[in-house]
Amino acid sequence: MADNKYARMAQIAQHYQATEPERASEILPGKVGRPPGKSSNHAYGRRTVLLKKHTIKTAERLWEDLEPEQDFSDLVEQLLAKFIETQHQNNTQIEL
C-alpha cells in the first residue's frame, strides 16, 4: 500500500507540472496587514532633536486635537517646509 501512496503523489506532481502555471495574482492574495510606514520609506530620514518636555507635550496635544489622522512628524515637516519657503523668498528679495 505504501507504493500506491507514493505513486499517487508522483502522479499528482506530474499532473501539476504538466498544467500551465496560474498567474501570480491568482496564486497569491494581496499583502495583508499594515501598509509600509515612513521609517521604511527612503524619502524620509530620521532625526533627533532636543526640545523642552512641556513644549513637546503641548504641541502633541494640540496637533492631536487639530489633525488626529496625521503624525506629529507631519507637523514638523510642514513647519520646516514653511521655514524653507520663507527663507527662499527672503533671499530672492535681497538679491534683487
PDB file of N, CA and C in Angstrom:
ATOM      1  N   MET A   1       0.807  -1.192   0.000  1.00  0.00           N
ATOM      2  CA  MET A   1       0.000   0.000   0.000  1.00  0.00           C
ATOM      3  C   MET A   1       0.851   1.257   0.000  1.00  0.00           C
ATOM      4  N   ALA A   2       2.062   1.170   0.569  1.00  0.00           N
ATOM      5  CA  ALA A   2       2.965   2.308   0.601  1.00  0.00           C
ATOM      6  C   ALA A   2       3.370   2.716  -0.804  1.00  0.00           C
ATOM      7  N   ASP A   3       3.540   1.718  -1.704  1.00  0.00           N
ATOM      8  CA  ASP A   3       3.899   2.032  -3.083  1.00  0.00           C
ATOM      9  C   ASP A   3       2.786   2.839  -3.756  1.00  0.00           C
ATOM     10  N   ASN A   4       1.556   2.510  -3.488  1.00  0.00           N
ATOM     11  CA  ASN A   4       0.439   3.230  -4.076  1.00  0.00           C
ATOM     12  C   ASN A   4       0.384   4.681  -3.603  1.00  0.00           C
ATOM     13  N   LYS A   5       0.704   4.878  -2.350  1.00  0.00           N
ATOM     14  CA  LYS A   5       0.689   6.233  -1.790  1.00  0.00           C
ATOM     15  C   LYS A   5       1.704   7.116  -2.513  1.00  0.00           C
ATOM     16  N   TYR A   6       2.932   6.628  -2.653  1.00  0.00           N
ATOM     17  CA  TYR A   6       3.973   7.416  -3.298  1.00  0.00           C
ATOM     18  C   TYR A   6       3.759   7.508  -4.804  1.00  0.00           C
ATOM     19  N   ALA A   7       3.208   6.468  -5.379  1.00  0.00           N
ATOM     20  CA  ALA A   7       2.898   6.504  -6.804  1.00  0.00           C
ATOM     21  C   ALA A   7       1.826   7.552  -7.071  1.00  0.00           C
ATOM     22  N   ARG A   8       0.843   7.618  -6.191  1.00  0.00           N
ATOM     23  CA  ARG A   8      -0.222   8.628  -6.336  1.00  0.00           C
ATOM     24  C   ARG A   8       0.353  10.037  -6.189  1.00  0.00           C
ATOM     25  N   MET A   9       1.271  10.227  -5.241  1.00  0.00           N
ATOM     26  CA  MET A   9       1.909  11.540  -5.059  1.00  0.00           C
ATOM     27  C   MET A   9       2.698  11.935  -6.307  1.00  0.00           C
ATOM     28  N   ALA A  10       3.409  10.977  -6.905  1.00  0.00           N
ATOM     29  CA  ALA A  10       4.173  11.251  -8.123  1.00  0.00           C
ATOM     30  C   ALA A  10       3.242  11.584  -9.274  1.00  0.00           C
ATOM     31  N   GLN A  11       2.119  10.884  -9.342  1.00  0.00           N
ATOM     32  CA  GLN A  11       1.137  11.145 -10.403  1.00  0.00           C
ATOM     33  C   GLN A  11       0.552  12.555 -10.261  1.00  0.00           C
ATOM     34  N   ILE A  12       0.246  12.945  -9.048  1.00  0.00           N
ATOM     35  CA  ILE A  12      -0.294  14.292  -8.796  1.00  0.00           C
ATOM     36  C   ILE A  12       0.742  15.353  -9.157  1.00  0.00           C
ATOM     37  N   ALA A  13       1.988  15.114  -8.788  1.00  0.00           N
ATOM     38  CA  ALA A  13       3.059  16.070  -9.099  1.00  0.00           C
ATOM     39  C   ALA A  13       3.226  16.212 -10.607  1.00  0.00           C
ATOM     40  N   GLN A  14       3.191  15.106 -11.327  1.00  0.00           N
ATOM     41  CA  GLN A  14       3.319  15.165 -12.781  1.00  0.00           C
ATOM     42  C   GLN A  14       2.142  15.901 -13.405  1.00  0.00           C
ATOM     43  N   HIS A  15       0.972  15.702 -12.855  1.00  0.00           N
ATOM     44  CA  HIS A  15      -0.216  16.396 -13.355  1.00  0.00           C
ATOM     45  C   HIS A  15      -0.066  17.913 -13.194  1.00  0.00           C
ATOM     46  N   TYR A  16       0.404  18.362 -12.019  1.00  0.00           N
ATOM     47  CA  TYR A  16       0.559  19.796 -11.797  1.00  0.00           C
ATOM     48  C   TYR A  16       1.688  20.387 -12.633  1.00  0.00           C
ATOM     49  N   GLN A  17       2.728  19.627 -12.871  1.00  0.00           N
ATOM     50  CA  GLN A  17       3.826  20.123 -13.696  1.00  0.00           C
ATOM     51  C   GLN A  17       3.420  20.214 -15.157  1.00  0.00           C
ATOM     52  N   ALA A  18       2.493  19.382 -15.583  1.00  0.00           N
ATOM     53  CA  ALA A  18       2.052  19.380 -16.973  1.00  0.00           C
ATOM     54  C   ALA A  18       1.079  20.509 -17.264  1.00  0.00           C
ATOM     55  N   THR A  19       0.363  21.005 -16.253  1.00  0.00           N
ATOM     56  CA  THR A  19      -0.603  22.084 -16.475  1.00  0.00           C
ATOM     57  C   THR A  19       0.111  23.420 -16.488  1.00  0.00           C
ATOM     58  N   GLU A  20      -0.540  24.418 -17.073  1.00  0.00           N
ATOM     59  CA  GLU A  20       0.027  25.760 -17.118  1.00  0.00           C
ATOM     60  C   GLU A  20       0.016  26.356 -15.719  1.00  0.00           C
ATOM     61  N   PRO A  21       1.075  27.079 -15.358  1.00  0.00           N
ATOM     62  CA  PRO A  21       1.072  27.703 -14.031  1.00  0.00           C
ATOM     63  C   PRO A  21       0.028  28.820 -13.971  1.00  0.00           C
ATOM     64  N   GLU A  22      -0.561  28.962 -12.816  1.00  0.00           N
ATOM     65  CA  GLU A  22      -1.551  30.026 -12.645  1.00  0.00           C
ATOM     66  C   GLU A  22      -0.843  31.370 -12.597  1.00  0.00           C
ATOM     67  N   ARG A  23      -1.586  32.403 -12.927  1.00  0.00           N
ATOM     68  CA  ARG A  23      -0.997  33.744 -12.842  1.00  0.00           C
ATOM     69  C   ARG A  23      -0.702  34.059 -11.391  1.00  0.00           C
ATOM     70  N   ALA A  24       0.277  34.908 -11.164  1.00  0.00           N
ATOM     71  CA  ALA A  24       0.695  35.237  -9.802  1.00  0.00           C
ATOM     72  C   ALA A  24      -0.448  35.869  -9.012  1.00  0.00           C
ATOM     73  N   SER A  25      -1.302  36.649  -9.669  1.00  0.00           N
ATOM     74  CA  SER A  25      -2.404  37.294  -8.964  1.00  0.00           C
ATOM     75  C   SER A  25      -3.423  36.265  -8.478  1.00  0.00           C
ATOM     76  N   GLU A  26      -3.522  35.134  -9.178  1.00  0.00           N
ATOM     77  CA  GLU A  26      -4.446  34.097  -8.752  1.00  0.00           C
ATOM     78  C   GLU A  26      -3.864  33.248  -7.634  1.00  0.00           C
ATOM     79  N   ILE A  27      -2.558  33.146  -7.595  1.00  0.00           N
ATOM     80  CA  ILE A  27      -1.898  32.316  -6.590  1.00  0.00           C
ATOM     81  C   ILE A  27      -1.795  33.049  -5.261  1.00  0.00           C
ATOM     82  N   LEU A  28      -1.265  34.261  -5.288  1.00  0.00           N
ATOM     83  CA  LEU A  28      -1.003  34.996  -4.064  1.00  0.00           C
ATOM     84  C   LEU A  28      -2.020  36.116  -3.860  1.00  0.00           C
ATOM     85  N   PRO A  29      -2.639  36.155  -2.705  1.00  0.00           N
ATOM     86  CA  PRO A  29      -3.525  37.288  -2.428  1.00  0.00           C
ATOM     87  C   PRO A  29      -2.689  38.524  -2.139  1.00  0.00           C
ATOM     88  N   GLY A  30      -3.318  39.688  -2.136  1.00  0.00           N
ATOM     89  CA  GLY A  30      -2.599  40.921  -1.833  1.00  0.00           C
ATOM     90  C   GLY A  30      -2.037  40.882  -0.428  1.00  0.00           C
ATOM     91  N   LYS A  31      -1.087  41.734  -0.169  1.00  0.00           N
ATOM     92  CA  LYS A  31      -0.470  41.773   1.148  1.00  0.00           C
ATOM     93  C   LYS A  31      -1.504  42.154   2.195  1.00  0.00           C
ATOM     94  N   VAL A  32      -1.425  41.489   3.303  1.00  0.00           N
ATOM     95  CA  VAL A  32      -2.349  41.736   4.398  1.00  0.00           C
ATOM     96  C   VAL A  32      -1.559  42.380   5.531  1.00  0.00           C
ATOM     97  N   GLY A  33      -2.168  43.328   6.195  1.00  0.00           N
ATOM     98  CA  GLY A  33      -1.501  43.955   7.329  1.00  0.00           C
ATOM     99  C   GLY A  33      -1.349  45.439   7.126  1.00  0.00           C
ATOM    100  N   ARG A  34      -0.493  46.006   7.934  1.00  0.00           N
ATOM    101  CA  ARG A  34      -0.283  47.439   7.881  1.00  0.00           C
ATOM    102  C   ARG A  34       0.499  47.830   6.638  1.00  0.00           C
ATOM    103  N   PRO A  35       0.180  48.982   6.065  1.00  0.00           N
ATOM    104  CA  PRO A  35       0.978  49.456   4.934  1.00  0.00           C
ATOM    105  C   PRO A  35       2.341  49.927   5.433  1.00  0.00           C
ATOM    106  N   PRO A  36       3.330  49.971   4.544  1.00  0.00           N
ATOM    107  CA  PRO A  36       4.649  50.425   4.972  1.00  0.00           C
ATOM    108  C   PRO A  36       4.587  51.854   5.500  1.00  0.00           C
ATOM    109  N   GLY A  37       5.360  52.135   6.513  1.00  0.00           N
ATOM    110  CA  GLY A  37       5.348  53.455   7.136  1.00  0.00           C
ATOM    111  C   GLY A  37       6.496  54.321   6.669  1.00  0.00           C
ATOM    112  N   LYS A  38       6.633  55.457   7.321  1.00  0.00           N
ATOM    113  CA  LYS A  38       7.667  56.417   6.939  1.00  0.00           C
ATOM    114  C   LYS A  38       9.062  55.875   7.207  1.00  0.00           C
ATOM    115  N   SER A  39       9.210  55.060   8.245  1.00  0.00           N
ATOM    116  CA  SER A  39      10.546  54.570   8.578  1.00  0.00           C
ATOM    117  C   SER A  39      11.114  53.659   7.491  1.00  0.00           C
ATOM    118  N   SER A  40      10.264  53.026   6.704  1.00  0.00           N
ATOM    119  CA  SER A  40      10.752  52.179   5.618  1.00  0.00           C
ATOM    120  C   SER A  40      10.743  52.906   4.271  1.00  0.00           C
ATOM    121  N   ASN A  41      10.312  54.159   4.249  1.00  0.00           N
ATOM    122  CA  ASN A  41      10.276  54.958   3.029  1.00  0.00           C
ATOM    123  C   ASN A  41      11.598  55.712   2.902  1.00  0.00           C
ATOM    124  N   HIS A  42      12.294  55.526   1.780  1.00  0.00           N
ATOM    125  CA  HIS A  42      13.614  56.138   1.591  1.00  0.00           C
ATOM    126  C   HIS A  42      13.545  57.651   1.405  1.00  0.00           C
ATOM    127  N   ALA A  43      12.369  58.205   1.176  1.00  0.00           N
ATOM    128  CA  ALA A  43      12.227  59.651   1.026  1.00  0.00           C
ATOM    129  C   ALA A  43      12.282  60.362   2.375  1.00  0.00           C
ATOM    130  N   TYR A  44      12.165  59.608   3.456  1.00  0.00           N
ATOM    131  CA  TYR A  44      12.189  60.184   4.801  1.00  0.00           C
ATOM    132  C   TYR A  44      13.481  59.821   5.502  1.00  0.00           C
ATOM    133  N   GLY A  45      13.939  60.713   6.368  1.00  0.00           N
ATOM    134  CA  GLY A  45      15.135  60.461   7.163  1.00  0.00           C
ATOM    135  C   GLY A  45      14.827  60.670   8.635  1.00  0.00           C
ATOM    136  N   ARG A  46      15.507  59.940   9.482  1.00  0.00           N
ATOM    137  CA  ARG A  46      15.284  60.027  10.916  1.00  0.00           C
ATOM    138  C   ARG A  46      16.238  61.060  11.514  1.00  0.00           C
ATOM    139  N   ARG A  47      15.700  61.969  12.340  1.00  0.00           N
ATOM    140  CA  ARG A  47      16.491  62.987  13.003  1.00  0.00           C
ATOM    141  C   ARG A  47      16.124  63.026  14.477  1.00  0.00           C
ATOM    142  N   THR A  48      17.078  63.402  15.299  1.00  0.00           N
ATOM    143  CA  THR A  48      16.840  63.558  16.727  1.00  0.00           C
ATOM    144  C   THR A  48      17.026  65.020  17.082  1.00  0.00           C
ATOM    145  N   VAL A  49      16.045  65.567  17.766  1.00  0.00           N
ATOM    146  CA  VAL A  49      16.134  66.955  18.214  1.00  0.00           C
ATOM    147  C   VAL A  49      15.835  67.003  19.703  1.00  0.00           C
ATOM    148  N   LEU A  50      16.381  67.993  20.367  1.00  0.00           N
ATOM    149  CA  LEU A  50      16.138  68.175  21.793  1.00  0.00           C
ATOM    150  C   LEU A  50      15.190  69.352  21.983  1.00  0.00           C
ATOM    151  N   LEU A  51      14.039  69.063  22.592  1.00  0.00           N
ATOM    152  CA  LEU A  51      13.024  70.072  22.859  1.00  0.00           C
ATOM    153  C   LEU A  51      12.607  69.961  24.323  1.00  0.00           C
ATOM    154  N   LYS A  52      12.090  71.049  24.846  1.00  0.00           N
ATOM    155  CA  LYS A  52      11.596  71.011  26.221  1.00  0.00           C
ATOM    156  C   LYS A  52      10.381  70.083  26.293  1.00  0.00           C
ATOM    157  N   LYS A  53      10.276  69.328  27.385  1.00  0.00           N
ATOM    158  CA  LYS A  53       9.183  68.378  27.560  1.00  0.00           C
ATOM    159  C   LYS A  53       7.826  69.056  27.502  1.00  0.00           C
ATOM    160  N   HIS A  54       7.727  70.228  28.118  1.00  0.00           N
ATOM    161  CA  HIS A  54       6.462  70.953  28.126  1.00  0.00           C
ATOM    162  C   HIS A  54       6.063  71.349  26.699  1.00  0.00           C
ATOM    163  N   THR A  55       7.022  71.777  25.908  1.00  0.00           N
ATOM    164  CA  THR A  55       6.757  72.160  24.521  1.00  0.00           C
ATOM    165  C   THR A  55       6.265  70.957  23.719  1.00  0.00           C
ATOM    166  N   ILE A  56       6.927  69.829  23.883  1.00  0.00           N
ATOM    167  CA  ILE A  56       6.540  68.618  23.155  1.00  0.00           C
ATOM    168  C   ILE A  56       5.131  68.188  23.542  1.00  0.00           C
ATOM    169  N   LYS A  57       4.874  68.133  24.847  1.00  0.00           N
ATOM    170  CA  LYS A  57       3.571  67.670  25.316  1.00  0.00           C
ATOM    171  C   LYS A  57       2.451  68.573  24.819  1.00  0.00           C
ATOM    172  N   THR A  58       2.644  69.889  24.926  1.00  0.00           N
ATOM    173  CA  THR A  58       1.621  70.831  24.486  1.00  0.00           C
ATOM    174  C   THR A  58       1.395  70.747  22.986  1.00  0.00           C
ATOM    175  N   ALA A  59       2.488  70.701  22.217  1.00  0.00           N
ATOM    176  CA  ALA A  59       2.381  70.637  20.758  1.00  0.00           C
ATOM    177  C   ALA A  59       1.707  69.338  20.315  1.00  0.00           C
ATOM    178  N   GLU A  60       2.074  68.228  20.929  1.00  0.00           N
ATOM    179  CA  GLU A  60       1.461  66.946  20.563  1.00  0.00           C
ATOM    180  C   GLU A  60      -0.032  66.928  20.861  1.00  0.00           C
ATOM    181  N   ARG A  61      -0.424  67.481  21.999  1.00  0.00           N
ATOM    182  CA  ARG A  61      -1.847  67.524  22.342  1.00  0.00           C
ATOM    183  C   ARG A  61      -2.628  68.417  21.381  1.00  0.00           C
ATOM    184  N   LEU A  62      -2.089  69.580  21.066  1.00  0.00           N
ATOM    185  CA  LEU A  62      -2.761  70.480  20.131  1.00  0.00           C
ATOM    186  C   LEU A  62      -2.866  69.847  18.750  1.00  0.00           C
ATOM    187  N   TRP A  63      -1.792  69.222  18.298  1.00  0.00           N
ATOM    188  CA  TRP A  63      -1.788  68.599  16.975  1.00  0.00           C
ATOM    189  C   TRP A  63      -2.785  67.446  16.914  1.00  0.00           C
ATOM    190  N   GLU A  64      -2.864  66.661  17.987  1.00  0.00           N
ATOM    191  CA  GLU A  64      -3.816  65.547  18.028  1.00  0.00           C
ATOM    192  C   GLU A  64      -5.251  66.061  17.962  1.00  0.00           C
ATOM    193  N   ASP A  65      -5.525  67.202  18.603  1.00  0.00           N
ATOM    194  CA  ASP A  65      -6.866  67.784  18.558  1.00  0.00           C
ATOM    195  C   ASP A  65      -7.190  68.336  17.173  1.00  0.00           C
ATOM    196  N   LEU A  66      -6.201  68.961  16.522  1.00  0.00           N
ATOM    197  CA  LEU A  66      -6.432  69.587  15.220  1.00  0.00           C
ATOM    198  C   LEU A  66      -6.403  68.592  14.066  1.00  0.00           C
ATOM    199  N   GLU A  67      -5.452  67.691  14.091  1.00  0.00           N
ATOM    200  CA  GLU A  67      -5.246  66.739  12.984  1.00  0.00           C
ATOM    201  C   GLU A  67      -5.075  65.319  13.540  1.00  0.00           C
ATOM    202  N   PRO A  68      -6.148  64.675  13.981  1.00  0.00           N
ATOM    203  CA  PRO A  68      -5.996  63.359  14.616  1.00  0.00           C
ATOM    204  C   PRO A  68      -5.508  62.255  13.674  1.00  0.00           C
ATOM    205  N   GLU A  69      -5.644  62.442  12.377  1.00  0.00           N
ATOM    206  CA  GLU A  69      -5.234  61.408  11.421  1.00  0.00           C
ATOM    207  C   GLU A  69      -3.769  61.510  11.023  1.00  0.00           C
ATOM    208  N   GLN A  70      -3.102  62.595  11.391  1.00  0.00           N
ATOM    209  CA  GLN A  70      -1.721  62.806  10.950  1.00  0.00           C
ATOM    210  C   GLN A  70      -0.747  62.609  12.111  1.00  0.00           C
ATOM    211  N   ASP A  71       0.469  62.204  11.757  1.00  0.00           N
ATOM    212  CA  ASP A  71       1.530  62.022  12.742  1.00  0.00           C
ATOM    213  C   ASP A  71       2.099  63.370  13.162  1.00  0.00           C
ATOM    214  N   PHE A  72       2.746  63.360  14.314  1.00  0.00           N
ATOM    215  CA  PHE A  72       3.422  64.568  14.785  1.00  0.00           C
ATOM    216  C   PHE A  72       4.535  64.960  13.817  1.00  0.00           C
ATOM    217  N   SER A  73       5.136  63.977  13.166  1.00  0.00           N
ATOM    218  CA  SER A  73       6.190  64.279  12.194  1.00  0.00           C
ATOM    219  C   SER A  73       5.644  65.062  11.009  1.00  0.00           C
ATOM    220  N   ASP A  74       4.340  64.912  10.711  1.00  0.00           N
ATOM    221  CA  ASP A  74       3.734  65.698   9.639  1.00  0.00           C
ATOM    222  C   ASP A  74       3.732  67.187   9.991  1.00  0.00           C
ATOM    223  N   LEU A  75       3.489  67.498  11.264  1.00  0.00           N
ATOM    224  CA  LEU A  75       3.538  68.891  11.713  1.00  0.00           C
ATOM    225  C   LEU A  75       4.951  69.444  11.556  1.00  0.00           C
ATOM    226  N   VAL A  76       5.934  68.686  11.991  1.00  0.00           N
ATOM    227  CA  VAL A  76       7.327  69.136  11.883  1.00  0.00           C
ATOM    228  C   VAL A  76       7.703  69.322  10.420  1.00  0.00           C
ATOM    229  N   GLU A  77       7.265  68.411   9.554  1.00  0.00           N
ATOM    230  CA  GLU A  77       7.529  68.526   8.115  1.00  0.00           C
ATOM    231  C   GLU A  77       6.930  69.804   7.548  1.00  0.00           C
ATOM    232  N   GLN A  78       5.685  70.098   7.915  1.00  0.00           N
ATOM    233  CA  GLN A  78       5.016  71.309   7.420  1.00  0.00           C
ATOM    234  C   GLN A  78       5.738  72.568   7.905  1.00  0.00           C
ATOM    235  N   LEU A  79       6.117  72.583   9.167  1.00  0.00           N
ATOM    236  CA  LEU A  79       6.803  73.757   9.710  1.00  0.00           C
ATOM    237  C   LEU A  79       8.164  73.972   9.051  1.00  0.00           C
ATOM    238  N   LEU A  80       8.915  72.899   8.831  1.00  0.00           N
ATOM    239  CA  LEU A  80      10.215  73.029   8.169  1.00  0.00           C
ATOM    240  C   LEU A  80      10.065  73.455   6.712  1.00  0.00           C
ATOM    241  N   ALA A  81       9.067  72.923   6.029  1.00  0.00           N
ATOM    242  CA  ALA A  81       8.832  73.311   4.634  1.00  0.00           C
ATOM    243  C   ALA A  81       8.464  74.791   4.546  1.00  0.00           C
ATOM    244  N   LYS A  82       7.653  75.262   5.488  1.00  0.00           N
ATOM    245  CA  LYS A  82       7.274  76.677   5.504  1.00  0.00           C
ATOM    246  C   LYS A  82       8.496  77.552   5.800  1.00  0.00           C
ATOM    247  N   PHE A  83       9.351  77.100   6.714  1.00  0.00           N
ATOM    248  CA  PHE A  83      10.582  77.822   7.031  1.00  0.00           C
ATOM    249  C   PHE A  83      11.481  77.935   5.803  1.00  0.00           C
ATOM    250  N   ILE A  84      11.646  76.835   5.084  1.00  0.00           N
ATOM    251  CA  ILE A  84      12.488  76.832   3.879  1.00  0.00           C
ATOM    252  C   ILE A  84      11.910  77.773   2.831  1.00  0.00           C
ATOM    253  N   GLU A  85      10.608  77.713   2.643  1.00  0.00           N
ATOM    254  CA  GLU A  85       9.961  78.587   1.655  1.00  0.00           C
ATOM    255  C   GLU A  85      10.147  80.059   2.021  1.00  0.00           C
ATOM    256  N   THR A  86      10.003  80.378   3.292  1.00  0.00           N
ATOM    257  CA  THR A  86      10.186  81.766   3.748  1.00  0.00           C
ATOM    258  C   THR A  86      11.621  82.225   3.519  1.00  0.00           C
ATOM    259  N   GLN A  87      12.564  81.351   3.807  1.00  0.00           N
ATOM    260  CA  GLN A  87      13.971  81.705   3.613  1.00  0.00           C
ATOM    261  C   GLN A  87      14.291  81.935   2.141  1.00  0.00           C
ATOM    262  N   HIS A  88      13.721  81.108   1.275  1.00  0.00           N
ATOM    263  CA  HIS A  88      13.938  81.302  -0.165  1.00  0.00           C
ATOM    264  C   HIS A  88      13.340  82.622  -0.637  1.00  0.00           C
ATOM    265  N   GLN A  89      12.166  82.977  -0.141  1.00  0.00           N
ATOM    266  CA  GLN A  89      11.532  84.236  -0.519  1.00  0.00           C
ATOM    267  C   GLN A  89      12.357  85.412  -0.019  1.00  0.00           C
ATOM    268  N   ASN A  90      12.851  85.331   1.203  1.00  0.00           N
ATOM    269  CA  ASN A  90      13.654  86.420   1.755  1.00  0.00           C
ATOM    270  C   ASN A  90      14.979  86.561   1.015  1.00  0.00           C
ATOM    271  N   ASN A  91      15.587  85.464   0.649  1.00  0.00           N
ATOM    272  CA  ASN A  91      16.869  85.511  -0.074  1.00  0.00           C
ATOM    273  C   ASN A  91      16.698  86.041  -1.482  1.00  0.00           C
ATOM    274  N   THR A  92      15.612  85.717  -2.164  1.00  0.00           N
ATOM    275  CA  THR A  92      15.414  86.231  -3.513  1.00  0.00           C
ATOM    276  C   THR A  92      15.090  87.711  -3.490  1.00  0.00           C
ATOM    277  N   GLN A  93      14.414  88.190  -2.444  1.00  0.00           N
ATOM    278  CA  GLN A  93      14.130  89.614  -2.360  1.00  0.00           C
ATOM    279  C   GLN A  93      15.398  90.411  -2.086  1.00  0.00           C
ATOM    280  N   ILE A  94      16.302  89.877  -1.311  1.00  0.00           N
ATOM    281  CA  ILE A  94      17.553  90.569  -1.003  1.00  0.00           C
ATOM    282  C   ILE A  94      18.450  90.624  -2.225  1.00  0.00           C
ATOM    283  N   GLU A  95      18.498  89.557  -3.001  1.00  0.00           N
ATOM    284  CA  GLU A  95      19.342  89.513  -4.189  1.00  0.00           C
ATOM    285  C   GLU A  95      18.869  90.457  -5.270  1.00  0.00           C
ATOM    286  N   LEU A  96      17.585  90.806  -5.288  1.00  0.00           N
ATOM    287  CA  LEU A  96      17.058  91.710  -6.306  1.00  0.00           C
ATOM    288  C   LEU A  96      17.532  93.076  -6.034  1.00  0.00           C
TER     289      LEU A  96
END
